[in-house]
Amino acid sequence: MNKENIGTLFAIITAIVSGFAFVANKFFLMSLDPTLFTSLRTFFVGIGFFLISFYKNKLSFKNFNKVSWKILLLIGFVAGFAFLTFFNGLKLTTAGRAAFLHKLLPLFITILAFAFLKEKIKRIQVYAMIVMIIGAYLISYSAITFEIAIGDFLVIIATVLFAIENIISKYAMIKKESNFVVSFCRMFFASIVLFSIVLIIGSFNQLLLITSEQILYIGISVSILFLYVFFWYYSISLIKVSKASTLLLLSPPISLFLSFLFLEEIILPLQIIGSLLILVGAFIVSKIS
């Protein structure tokens, strides 16, 4: 397989992992503060990618990174503030609206990739992405209310920040930075931002109250997140970030199918139509090089 095919495959696997994670989180509802929970996950995943990067660099810090630490730090800090903005937005809007608004990520990434990375975006890719976003809306339709809330704007800001982080990450990899180093910096430095907020709001003492069952759930969640980050950053190191991000829209129909399979949730006719639109759009995008 060539780089384009491998990158496309890894983007699709990322969507599958994302879809699985959505269903898994319904099983592993945590009583922990979400900022603390995400801090722990990002920290341990970051450490994992540090070890991989260190090993691949022959256990040496010499030439550990190819681009400036300023760029790598920026990746992590932008991601950290994106997480914080998203969580605060989630408190002020509904989960259904937040989930759909976050699905606009490929749109923002495509615009930024065209403007700053000079990626060539074919019209058919734009049309396919629009069709897929419509499909995502149809899947989420029953969970979306139409009252505009301040949380909606915070979720959109967070989604834009995630898009900016992905653009900076892709830029670093264009400059020959390892996707493993980028993954480490994204997760580890984001965890520093999150842990700082946890200390400020006084949620750190919850660490002392974590049960063995919660430790198990955190471990499973860390493993899923590790797979997501591994395949996602490997994918965008090989193909255009605009193409890879559009393929992430495959995650809603995957979540829908898994929820039907394991949680016995009912699939509505509109959701079937939305899933078909996404599958058609993803097929078209996967053929674009």
C-alpha atoms as a PDB file:
ATOM      1  CA  MET A   1       0.000   0.000   0.000  1.00  0.00           C
ATOM      2  CA  ASN A   2       1.199   3.514  -0.775  1.00  0.00           C
ATOM      3  CA  LYS A   3       1.239   6.428   1.687  1.00  0.00           C
ATOM      4  CA  GLU A   4      -2.101   7.776   0.464  1.00  0.00           C
ATOM      5  CA  ASN A   5      -3.876   4.464   1.004  1.00  0.00           C
ATOM      6  CA  ILE A   6      -2.285   3.891   4.419  1.00  0.00           C
ATOM      7  CA  GLY A   7      -3.146   7.427   5.545  1.00  0.00           C
ATOM      8  CA  THR A   8      -6.730   7.005   4.337  1.00  0.00           C
ATOM      9  CA  LEU A   9      -7.025   3.645   6.095  1.00  0.00           C
ATOM     10  CA  PHE A  10      -5.656   5.111   9.343  1.00  0.00           C
ATOM     11  CA  ALA A  11      -8.136   8.009   9.158  1.00  0.00           C
ATOM     12  CA  ILE A  12     -10.986   5.497   8.788  1.00  0.00           C
ATOM     13  CA  ILE A  13      -9.631   3.459  11.722  1.00  0.00           C
ATOM     14  CA  THR A  14      -9.539   6.692  13.757  1.00  0.00           C
ATOM     15  CA  ALA A  15     -13.239   7.209  12.974  1.00  0.00           C
ATOM     16  CA  ILE A  16     -13.975   3.635  14.048  1.00  0.00           C
ATOM     17  CA  VAL A  17     -12.116   4.144  17.336  1.00  0.00           C
ATOM     18  CA  SER A  18     -13.997   7.432  17.852  1.00  0.00           C
ATOM     19  CA  GLY A  19     -17.330   5.723  17.215  1.00  0.00           C
ATOM     20  CA  PHE A  20     -16.440   2.939  19.629  1.00  0.00           C
ATOM     21  CA  ALA A  21     -15.293   5.448  22.264  1.00  0.00           C
ATOM     22  CA  PHE A  22     -18.658   7.227  22.140  1.00  0.00           C
ATOM     23  CA  VAL A  23     -20.467   3.981  22.958  1.00  0.00           C
ATOM     24  CA  ALA A  24     -17.875   2.896  25.549  1.00  0.00           C
ATOM     25  CA  ASN A  25     -18.321   6.175  27.431  1.00  0.00           C
ATOM     26  CA  LYS A  26     -21.986   5.285  27.961  1.00  0.00           C
ATOM     27  CA  PHE A  27     -20.800   2.250  29.919  1.00  0.00           C
ATOM     28  CA  PHE A  28     -18.098   4.101  31.812  1.00  0.00           C
ATOM     29  CA  LEU A  29     -19.975   7.072  33.201  1.00  0.00           C
ATOM     30  CA  MET A  30     -17.575   8.690  35.649  1.00  0.00           C
ATOM     31  CA  SER A  31     -18.340  10.682  38.785  1.00  0.00           C
ATOM     32  CA  LEU A  32     -14.977  12.433  38.405  1.00  0.00           C
ATOM     33  CA  ASP A  33     -14.800  16.064  37.337  1.00  0.00           C
ATOM     34  CA  PRO A  34     -14.525  15.947  33.497  1.00  0.00           C
ATOM     35  CA  THR A  35     -11.499  18.281  33.499  1.00  0.00           C
ATOM     36  CA  LEU A  36      -9.673  16.035  35.977  1.00  0.00           C
ATOM     37  CA  PHE A  37     -10.701  12.932  34.035  1.00  0.00           C
ATOM     38  CA  THR A  38      -9.381  14.390  30.770  1.00  0.00           C
ATOM     39  CA  SER A  39      -6.223  15.624  32.522  1.00  0.00           C
ATOM     40  CA  LEU A  40      -5.413  12.092  33.631  1.00  0.00           C
ATOM     41  CA  ARG A  41      -6.139  10.606  30.211  1.00  0.00           C
ATOM     42  CA  THR A  42      -4.101  13.155  28.262  1.00  0.00           C
ATOM     43  CA  PHE A  43      -1.197  12.910  30.720  1.00  0.00           C
ATOM     44  CA  PHE A  44      -0.865   9.130  30.510  1.00  0.00           C
ATOM     45  CA  VAL A  45      -1.324   9.093  26.729  1.00  0.00           C
ATOM     46  CA  GLY A  46       1.289  11.839  26.459  1.00  0.00           C
ATOM     47  CA  ILE A  47       3.742   9.783  28.528  1.00  0.00           C
ATOM     48  CA  GLY A  48       3.076   6.817  26.249  1.00  0.00           C
ATOM     49  CA  PHE A  49       4.005   8.795  23.143  1.00  0.00           C
ATOM     50  CA  PHE A  50       7.037  10.263  24.906  1.00  0.00           C
ATOM     51  CA  LEU A  51       8.341   6.739  25.526  1.00  0.00           C
ATOM     52  CA  ILE A  52       7.736   5.776  21.894  1.00  0.00           C
ATOM     53  CA  SER A  53       9.488   8.939  20.662  1.00  0.00           C
ATOM     54  CA  PHE A  54      12.392   8.405  23.051  1.00  0.00           C
ATOM     55  CA  TYR A  55      12.764   4.784  21.920  1.00  0.00           C
ATOM     56  CA  LYS A  56      12.627   5.682  18.224  1.00  0.00           C
ATOM     57  CA  ASN A  57      15.303   8.316  18.856  1.00  0.00           C
ATOM     58  CA  LYS A  58      17.566   5.527  20.175  1.00  0.00           C
ATOM     59  CA  LEU A  59      17.035   6.464  23.840  1.00  0.00           C
ATOM     60  CA  SER A  60      18.626   9.863  23.338  1.00  0.00           C
ATOM     61  CA  PHE A  61      17.383  13.450  23.649  1.00  0.00           C
ATOM     62  CA  LYS A  62      19.795  14.537  20.931  1.00  0.00           C
ATOM     63  CA  ASN A  63      17.775  15.625  17.896  1.00  0.00           C
ATOM     64  CA  PHE A  64      14.621  14.563  19.749  1.00  0.00           C
ATOM     65  CA  ASN A  65      12.595  17.222  17.948  1.00  0.00           C
ATOM     66  CA  LYS A  66      12.965  18.609  14.421  1.00  0.00           C
ATOM     67  CA  VAL A  67      10.966  21.835  14.811  1.00  0.00           C
ATOM     68  CA  SER A  68      11.116  24.567  17.435  1.00  0.00           C
ATOM     69  CA  TRP A  69       9.823  23.764  20.908  1.00  0.00           C
ATOM     70  CA  LYS A  70       7.719  26.929  20.590  1.00  0.00           C
ATOM     71  CA  ILE A  71       5.630  25.243  17.889  1.00  0.00           C
ATOM     72  CA  LEU A  72       5.361  21.999  19.853  1.00  0.00           C
ATOM     73  CA  LEU A  73       4.371  23.817  23.040  1.00  0.00           C
ATOM     74  CA  LEU A  74       1.787  25.799  21.077  1.00  0.00           C
ATOM     75  CA  ILE A  75       0.193  22.560  19.844  1.00  0.00           C
ATOM     76  CA  GLY A  76      -0.308  21.331  23.409  1.00  0.00           C
ATOM     77  CA  PHE A  77      -1.469  24.619  24.881  1.00  0.00           C
ATOM     78  CA  VAL A  78      -3.998  25.277  22.097  1.00  0.00           C
ATOM     79  CA  ALA A  79      -5.365  21.747  22.585  1.00  0.00           C
ATOM     80  CA  GLY A  80      -5.531  22.283  26.360  1.00  0.00           C
ATOM     81  CA  PHE A  81      -7.548  25.481  26.040  1.00  0.00           C
ATOM     82  CA  ALA A  82      -9.751  23.815  23.424  1.00  0.00           C
ATOM     83  CA  PHE A  83     -10.623  21.074  25.933  1.00  0.00           C
ATOM     84  CA  LEU A  84     -11.390  23.647  28.621  1.00  0.00           C
ATOM     85  CA  THR A  85     -13.590  25.722  26.320  1.00  0.00           C
ATOM     86  CA  PHE A  86     -15.441  22.624  25.160  1.00  0.00           C
ATOM     87  CA  PHE A  87     -16.163  21.421  28.716  1.00  0.00           C
ATOM     88  CA  ASN A  88     -17.424  24.840  29.783  1.00  0.00           C
ATOM     89  CA  GLY A  89     -19.576  25.038  26.677  1.00  0.00           C
ATOM     90  CA  LEU A  90     -20.976  21.583  27.364  1.00  0.00           C
ATOM     91  CA  LYS A  91     -22.226  22.794  30.755  1.00  0.00           C
ATOM     92  CA  LEU A  92     -24.219  25.555  29.044  1.00  0.00           C
ATOM     93  CA  THR A  93     -25.805  23.620  26.183  1.00  0.00           C
ATOM     94  CA  THR A  94     -27.161  20.139  25.476  1.00  0.00           C
ATOM     95  CA  ALA A  95     -24.957  17.129  24.735  1.00  0.00           C
ATOM     96  CA  GLY A  96     -26.718  16.609  21.385  1.00  0.00           C
ATOM     97  CA  ARG A  97     -26.074  20.151  20.182  1.00  0.00           C
ATOM     98  CA  ALA A  98     -22.454  20.060  21.369  1.00  0.00           C
ATOM     99  CA  ALA A  99     -21.857  16.733  19.603  1.00  0.00           C
ATOM    100  CA  PHE A 100     -23.203  18.065  16.307  1.00  0.00           C
ATOM    101  CA  LEU A 101     -21.365  21.386  16.513  1.00  0.00           C
ATOM    102  CA  HIS A 102     -18.130  19.486  17.101  1.00  0.00           C
ATOM    103  CA  LYS A 103     -18.833  17.632  13.839  1.00  0.00           C
ATOM    104  CA  LEU A 104     -18.117  20.953  12.073  1.00  0.00           C
ATOM    105  CA  LEU A 105     -14.415  20.332  12.797  1.00  0.00           C
ATOM    106  CA  PRO A 106     -13.679  19.097   9.225  1.00  0.00           C
ATOM    107  CA  LEU A 107     -15.191  22.297   7.819  1.00  0.00           C
ATOM    108  CA  PHE A 108     -12.920  24.518   9.915  1.00  0.00           C
ATOM    109  CA  ILE A 109      -9.866  22.330   9.246  1.00  0.00           C
ATOM    110  CA  THR A 110     -10.517  22.399   5.495  1.00  0.00           C
ATOM    111  CA  ILE A 111     -10.802  26.205   5.466  1.00  0.00           C
ATOM    112  CA  LEU A 112      -7.612  26.624   7.516  1.00  0.00           C
ATOM    113  CA  ALA A 113      -5.705  23.978   5.538  1.00  0.00           C
ATOM    114  CA  PHE A 114      -6.595  25.770   2.302  1.00  0.00           C
ATOM    115  CA  ALA A 115      -5.617  29.175   3.719  1.00  0.00           C
ATOM    116  CA  PHE A 116      -2.446  28.351   5.645  1.00  0.00           C
ATOM    117  CA  LEU A 117      -1.129  25.008   4.387  1.00  0.00           C
ATOM    118  CA  LYS A 118      -2.068  25.700   0.756  1.00  0.00           C
ATOM    119  CA  GLU A 119      -3.746  22.314   0.453  1.00  0.00           C
ATOM    120  CA  LYS A 120      -5.523  21.867  -2.854  1.00  0.00           C
ATOM    121  CA  ILE A 121      -9.179  21.179  -2.101  1.00  0.00           C
ATOM    122  CA  LYS A 122     -11.190  19.683  -4.953  1.00  0.00           C
ATOM    123  CA  ARG A 123     -14.811  20.725  -5.378  1.00  0.00           C
ATOM    124  CA  ILE A 124     -15.984  17.123  -5.138  1.00  0.00           C
ATOM    125  CA  GLN A 125     -14.349  16.921  -1.691  1.00  0.00           C
ATOM    126  CA  VAL A 126     -16.214  20.031  -0.523  1.00  0.00           C
ATOM    127  CA  TYR A 127     -19.521  18.678  -1.847  1.00  0.00           C
ATOM    128  CA  ALA A 128     -18.912  15.302  -0.203  1.00  0.00           C
ATOM    129  CA  MET A 129     -18.058  16.975   3.106  1.00  0.00           C
ATOM    130  CA  ILE A 130     -21.272  19.039   3.019  1.00  0.00           C
ATOM    131  CA  VAL A 131     -23.292  15.882   2.312  1.00  0.00           C
ATOM    132  CA  MET A 132     -21.594  14.145   5.251  1.00  0.00           C
ATOM    133  CA  ILE A 133     -22.276  17.066   7.616  1.00  0.00           C
ATOM    134  CA  ILE A 134     -25.942  16.967   6.567  1.00  0.00           C
ATOM    135  CA  GLY A 135     -25.858  13.240   7.308  1.00  0.00           C
ATOM    136  CA  ALA A 136     -24.377  13.907  10.760  1.00  0.00           C
ATOM    137  CA  TYR A 137     -27.157  16.425  11.401  1.00  0.00           C
ATOM    138  CA  LEU A 138     -29.835  13.884  10.459  1.00  0.00           C
ATOM    139  CA  ILE A 139     -28.295  11.323  12.823  1.00  0.00           C
ATOM    140  CA  SER A 140     -28.303  13.844  15.685  1.00  0.00           C
ATOM    141  CA  TYR A 141     -31.619  15.486  14.734  1.00  0.00           C
ATOM    142  CA  SER A 142     -33.691  13.955  17.547  1.00  0.00           C
ATOM    143  CA  ALA A 143     -31.166  15.127  20.168  1.00  0.00           C
ATOM    144  CA  ILE A 144     -30.835  18.690  18.866  1.00  0.00           C
ATOM    145  CA  THR A 145     -32.969  21.495  20.292  1.00  0.00           C
ATOM    146  CA  PHE A 146     -33.284  24.814  18.509  1.00  0.00           C
ATOM    147  CA  GLU A 147     -32.797  27.268  21.370  1.00  0.00           C
ATOM    148  CA  ILE A 148     -29.519  29.119  20.954  1.00  0.00           C
ATOM    149  CA  ALA A 149     -27.381  28.946  24.106  1.00  0.00           C
ATOM    150  CA  ILE A 150     -24.138  30.650  25.118  1.00  0.00           C
ATOM    151  CA  GLY A 151     -22.628  27.171  25.394  1.00  0.00           C
ATOM    152  CA  ASP A 152     -23.076  26.718  21.645  1.00  0.00           C
ATOM    153  CA  PHE A 153     -20.664  29.561  20.958  1.00  0.00           C
ATOM    154  CA  LEU A 154     -18.113  28.138  23.396  1.00  0.00           C
ATOM    155  CA  VAL A 155     -18.334  24.717  21.697  1.00  0.00           C
ATOM    156  CA  ILE A 156     -17.807  26.380  18.296  1.00  0.00           C
ATOM    157  CA  ILE A 157     -14.794  28.295  19.660  1.00  0.00           C
ATOM    158  CA  ALA A 158     -13.416  25.016  21.058  1.00  0.00           C
ATOM    159  CA  THR A 159     -13.928  23.319  17.691  1.00  0.00           C
ATOM    160  CA  VAL A 160     -12.069  26.144  15.939  1.00  0.00           C
ATOM    161  CA  LEU A 161      -9.226  25.791  18.472  1.00  0.00           C
ATOM    162  CA  PHE A 162      -9.051  22.036  17.807  1.00  0.00           C
ATOM    163  CA  ALA A 163      -8.886  22.848  14.080  1.00  0.00           C
ATOM    164  CA  ILE A 164      -6.039  25.327  14.665  1.00  0.00           C
ATOM    165  CA  GLU A 165      -4.167  22.720  16.712  1.00  0.00           C
ATOM    166  CA  ASN A 166      -4.506  20.201  13.885  1.00  0.00           C
ATOM    167  CA  ILE A 167      -3.226  22.727  11.349  1.00  0.00           C
ATOM    168  CA  ILE A 168      -0.179  23.520  13.510  1.00  0.00           C
ATOM    169  CA  SER A 169       0.421  19.785  13.993  1.00  0.00           C
ATOM    170  CA  LYS A 170       0.274  19.173  10.248  1.00  0.00           C
ATOM    171  CA  TYR A 171       2.637  22.113   9.693  1.00  0.00           C
ATOM    172  CA  ALA A 172       5.132  20.579  12.144  1.00  0.00           C
ATOM    173  CA  MET A 173       4.962  17.264  10.288  1.00  0.00           C
ATOM    174  CA  ILE A 174       5.420  19.004   6.937  1.00  0.00           C
ATOM    175  CA  LYS A 175       8.640  20.322   8.498  1.00  0.00           C
ATOM    176  CA  LYS A 176       9.628  16.663   9.084  1.00  0.00           C
ATOM    177  CA  GLU A 177       8.621  16.429  12.732  1.00  0.00           C
ATOM    178  CA  SER A 178       7.732  12.910  13.873  1.00  0.00           C
ATOM    179  CA  ASN A 179       4.033  12.260  14.372  1.00  0.00           C
ATOM    180  CA  PHE A 180       4.962  10.556  17.659  1.00  0.00           C
ATOM    181  CA  VAL A 181       6.691  13.707  18.968  1.00  0.00           C
ATOM    182  CA  VAL A 182       3.704  15.808  17.866  1.00  0.00           C
ATOM    183  CA  SER A 183       1.356  13.368  19.635  1.00  0.00           C
ATOM    184  CA  PHE A 184       3.450  13.548  22.811  1.00  0.00           C
ATOM    185  CA  CYS A 185       3.485  17.355  22.851  1.00  0.00           C
ATOM    186  CA  ARG A 186      -0.205  17.636  22.036  1.00  0.00           C
ATOM    187  CA  MET A 187      -1.268  15.371  24.888  1.00  0.00           C
ATOM    188  CA  PHE A 188       1.373  16.081  27.549  1.00  0.00           C
ATOM    189  CA  PHE A 189       1.366  19.881  27.371  1.00  0.00           C
ATOM    190  CA  ALA A 190      -2.431  19.901  27.110  1.00  0.00           C
ATOM    191  CA  SER A 191      -2.520  17.906  30.358  1.00  0.00           C
ATOM    192  CA  ILE A 192      -0.384  20.583  32.042  1.00  0.00           C
ATOM    193  CA  VAL A 193      -2.953  23.225  31.088  1.00  0.00           C
ATOM    194  CA  LEU A 194      -5.793  21.022  32.330  1.00  0.00           C
ATOM    195  CA  PHE A 195      -4.072  20.078  35.599  1.00  0.00           C
ATOM    196  CA  SER A 196      -3.440  23.788  36.254  1.00  0.00           C
ATOM    197  CA  ILE A 197      -7.161  24.474  35.996  1.00  0.00           C
ATOM    198  CA  VAL A 198      -7.937  21.444  38.177  1.00  0.00           C
ATOM    199  CA  LEU A 199      -5.691  22.897  40.896  1.00  0.00           C
ATOM    200  CA  ILE A 200      -7.326  26.317  40.581  1.00  0.00           C
ATOM    201  CA  ILE A 201     -10.896  25.006  40.872  1.00  0.00           C
ATOM    202  CA  GLY A 202      -9.969  22.654  43.698  1.00  0.00           C
ATOM    203  CA  SER A 203     -10.870  19.338  42.079  1.00  0.00           C
ATOM    204  CA  PHE A 204      -7.454  17.762  42.559  1.00  0.00           C
ATOM    205  CA  ASN A 205      -8.484  16.192  45.887  1.00  0.00           C
ATOM    206  CA  GLN A 206     -10.821  13.889  43.935  1.00  0.00           C
ATOM    207  CA  LEU A 207      -7.708  11.907  43.024  1.00  0.00           C
ATOM    208  CA  LEU A 208      -7.608  10.653  46.619  1.00  0.00           C
ATOM    209  CA  LEU A 209     -11.155   9.332  46.305  1.00  0.00           C
ATOM    210  CA  ILE A 210     -10.719   7.317  43.097  1.00  0.00           C
ATOM    211  CA  THR A 211     -11.981   3.748  43.456  1.00  0.00           C
ATOM    212  CA  SER A 212     -10.450   0.626  41.916  1.00  0.00           C
ATOM    213  CA  GLU A 213     -13.393   0.480  39.505  1.00  0.00           C
ATOM    214  CA  GLN A 214     -12.708   4.058  38.364  1.00  0.00           C
ATOM    215  CA  ILE A 215      -9.027   3.212  37.883  1.00  0.00           C
ATOM    216  CA  LEU A 216     -10.090   0.375  35.580  1.00  0.00           C
ATOM    217  CA  TYR A 217     -12.372   2.690  33.598  1.00  0.00           C
ATOM    218  CA  ILE A 218      -9.641   5.316  33.334  1.00  0.00           C
ATOM    219  CA  GLY A 219      -7.231   2.640  32.086  1.00  0.00           C
ATOM    220  CA  ILE A 220      -9.669   1.499  29.390  1.00  0.00           C
ATOM    221  CA  SER A 221     -10.369   5.099  28.397  1.00  0.00           C
ATOM    222  CA  VAL A 222      -6.634   5.856  28.190  1.00  0.00           C
ATOM    223  CA  SER A 223      -6.148   2.831  25.916  1.00  0.00           C
ATOM    224  CA  ILE A 224      -8.942   3.946  23.585  1.00  0.00           C
ATOM    225  CA  LEU A 225      -7.629   7.521  23.498  1.00  0.00           C
ATOM    226  CA  PHE A 226      -4.105   6.249  22.796  1.00  0.00           C
ATOM    227  CA  LEU A 227      -5.364   4.341  19.758  1.00  0.00           C
ATOM    228  CA  TYR A 228      -7.285   7.383  18.549  1.00  0.00           C
ATOM    229  CA  VAL A 229      -4.267   9.689  18.814  1.00  0.00           C
ATOM    230  CA  PHE A 230      -1.911   7.081  17.318  1.00  0.00           C
ATOM    231  CA  PHE A 231      -3.957   6.513  14.169  1.00  0.00           C
ATOM    232  CA  TRP A 232      -5.057  10.146  13.784  1.00  0.00           C
ATOM    233  CA  TYR A 233      -1.623  11.778  13.852  1.00  0.00           C
ATOM    234  CA  TYR A 234      -0.120   8.941  11.837  1.00  0.00           C
ATOM    235  CA  SER A 235      -2.861   9.537   9.271  1.00  0.00           C
ATOM    236  CA  ILE A 236      -2.302  13.280   8.895  1.00  0.00           C
ATOM    237  CA  SER A 237       1.440  12.696   8.596  1.00  0.00           C
ATOM    238  CA  LEU A 238       0.698  10.776   5.384  1.00  0.00           C
ATOM    239  CA  ILE A 239      -2.282  12.543   3.759  1.00  0.00           C
ATOM    240  CA  LYS A 240      -3.886  15.978   3.638  1.00  0.00           C
ATOM    241  CA  VAL A 241      -5.393  16.957   6.971  1.00  0.00           C
ATOM    242  CA  SER A 242      -8.520  18.226   5.185  1.00  0.00           C
ATOM    243  CA  LYS A 243      -9.156  14.773   3.713  1.00  0.00           C
ATOM    244  CA  ALA A 244      -8.394  12.934   6.955  1.00  0.00           C
ATOM    245  CA  SER A 245     -10.660  15.187   9.037  1.00  0.00           C
ATOM    246  CA  THR A 246     -13.565  14.714   6.631  1.00  0.00           C
ATOM    247  CA  LEU A 247     -13.290  10.948   7.020  1.00  0.00           C
ATOM    248  CA  LEU A 248     -13.735  11.397  10.778  1.00  0.00           C
ATOM    249  CA  LEU A 249     -17.403  12.062  10.014  1.00  0.00           C
ATOM    250  CA  LEU A 250     -17.723   8.291   9.690  1.00  0.00           C
ATOM    251  CA  SER A 251     -17.834   8.068  13.493  1.00  0.00           C
ATOM    252  CA  PRO A 252     -21.577   8.940  13.971  1.00  0.00           C
ATOM    253  CA  PRO A 253     -22.930   6.015  11.896  1.00  0.00           C
ATOM    254  CA  ILE A 254     -20.396   3.708  13.568  1.00  0.00           C
ATOM    255  CA  SER A 255     -21.609   4.854  17.008  1.00  0.00           C
ATOM    256  CA  LEU A 256     -25.196   4.427  15.835  1.00  0.00           C
ATOM    257  CA  PHE A 257     -24.587   0.853  14.715  1.00  0.00           C
ATOM    258  CA  LEU A 258     -22.681  -0.109  17.864  1.00  0.00           C
ATOM    259  CA  SER A 259     -25.366   1.462  20.084  1.00  0.00           C
ATOM    260  CA  PHE A 260     -27.970  -0.613  18.259  1.00  0.00           C
ATOM    261  CA  LEU A 261     -25.841  -3.734  18.569  1.00  0.00           C
ATOM    262  CA  PHE A 262     -24.770  -3.484  22.204  1.00  0.00           C
ATOM    263  CA  LEU A 263     -27.212  -1.064  23.848  1.00  0.00           C
ATOM    264  CA  GLU A 264     -30.300  -2.094  21.862  1.00  0.00           C
ATOM    265  CA  GLU A 265     -31.004   1.548  20.957  1.00  0.00           C
ATOM    266  CA  ILE A 266     -33.564   2.158  18.221  1.00  0.00           C
ATOM    267  CA  ILE A 267     -32.344   3.484  14.869  1.00  0.00           C
ATOM    268  CA  LEU A 268     -34.729   6.045  13.365  1.00  0.00           C
ATOM    269  CA  PRO A 269     -35.412   6.350   9.600  1.00  0.00           C
ATOM    270  CA  LEU A 270     -33.731   9.791   9.470  1.00  0.00           C
ATOM    271  CA  GLN A 271     -30.632   8.283  11.082  1.00  0.00           C
ATOM    272  CA  ILE A 272     -30.496   5.581   8.420  1.00  0.00           C
ATOM    273  CA  ILE A 273     -30.695   8.243   5.699  1.00  0.00           C
ATOM    274  CA  GLY A 274     -28.000  10.280   7.473  1.00  0.00           C
ATOM    275  CA  SER A 275     -25.747   7.228   7.751  1.00  0.00           C
ATOM    276  CA  LEU A 276     -26.129   6.471   4.044  1.00  0.00           C
ATOM    277  CA  LEU A 277     -25.241  10.067   3.146  1.00  0.00           C
ATOM    278  CA  ILE A 278     -22.102   9.845   5.277  1.00  0.00           C
ATOM    279  CA  LEU A 279     -21.072   6.504   3.765  1.00  0.00           C
ATOM    280  CA  VAL A 280     -21.508   7.819   0.223  1.00  0.00           C
ATOM    281  CA  GLY A 281     -19.555  10.972   1.067  1.00  0.00           C
ATOM    282  CA  ALA A 282     -16.790   9.003   2.768  1.00  0.00           C
ATOM    283  CA  PHE A 283     -16.470   6.712  -0.251  1.00  0.00           C
ATOM    284  CA  ILE A 284     -16.015   9.715  -2.522  1.00  0.00           C
ATOM    285  CA  VAL A 285     -13.486  11.384  -0.199  1.00  0.00           C
ATOM    286  CA  SER A 286     -11.492   8.157   0.222  1.00  0.00           C
ATOM    287  CA  LYS A 287     -10.890   8.097  -3.549  1.00  0.00           C
ATOM    288  CA  ILE A 288      -9.479  11.636  -3.620  1.00  0.00           C
ATOM    289  CA  SER A 289      -5.704  11.962  -3.543  1.00  0.00           C
END
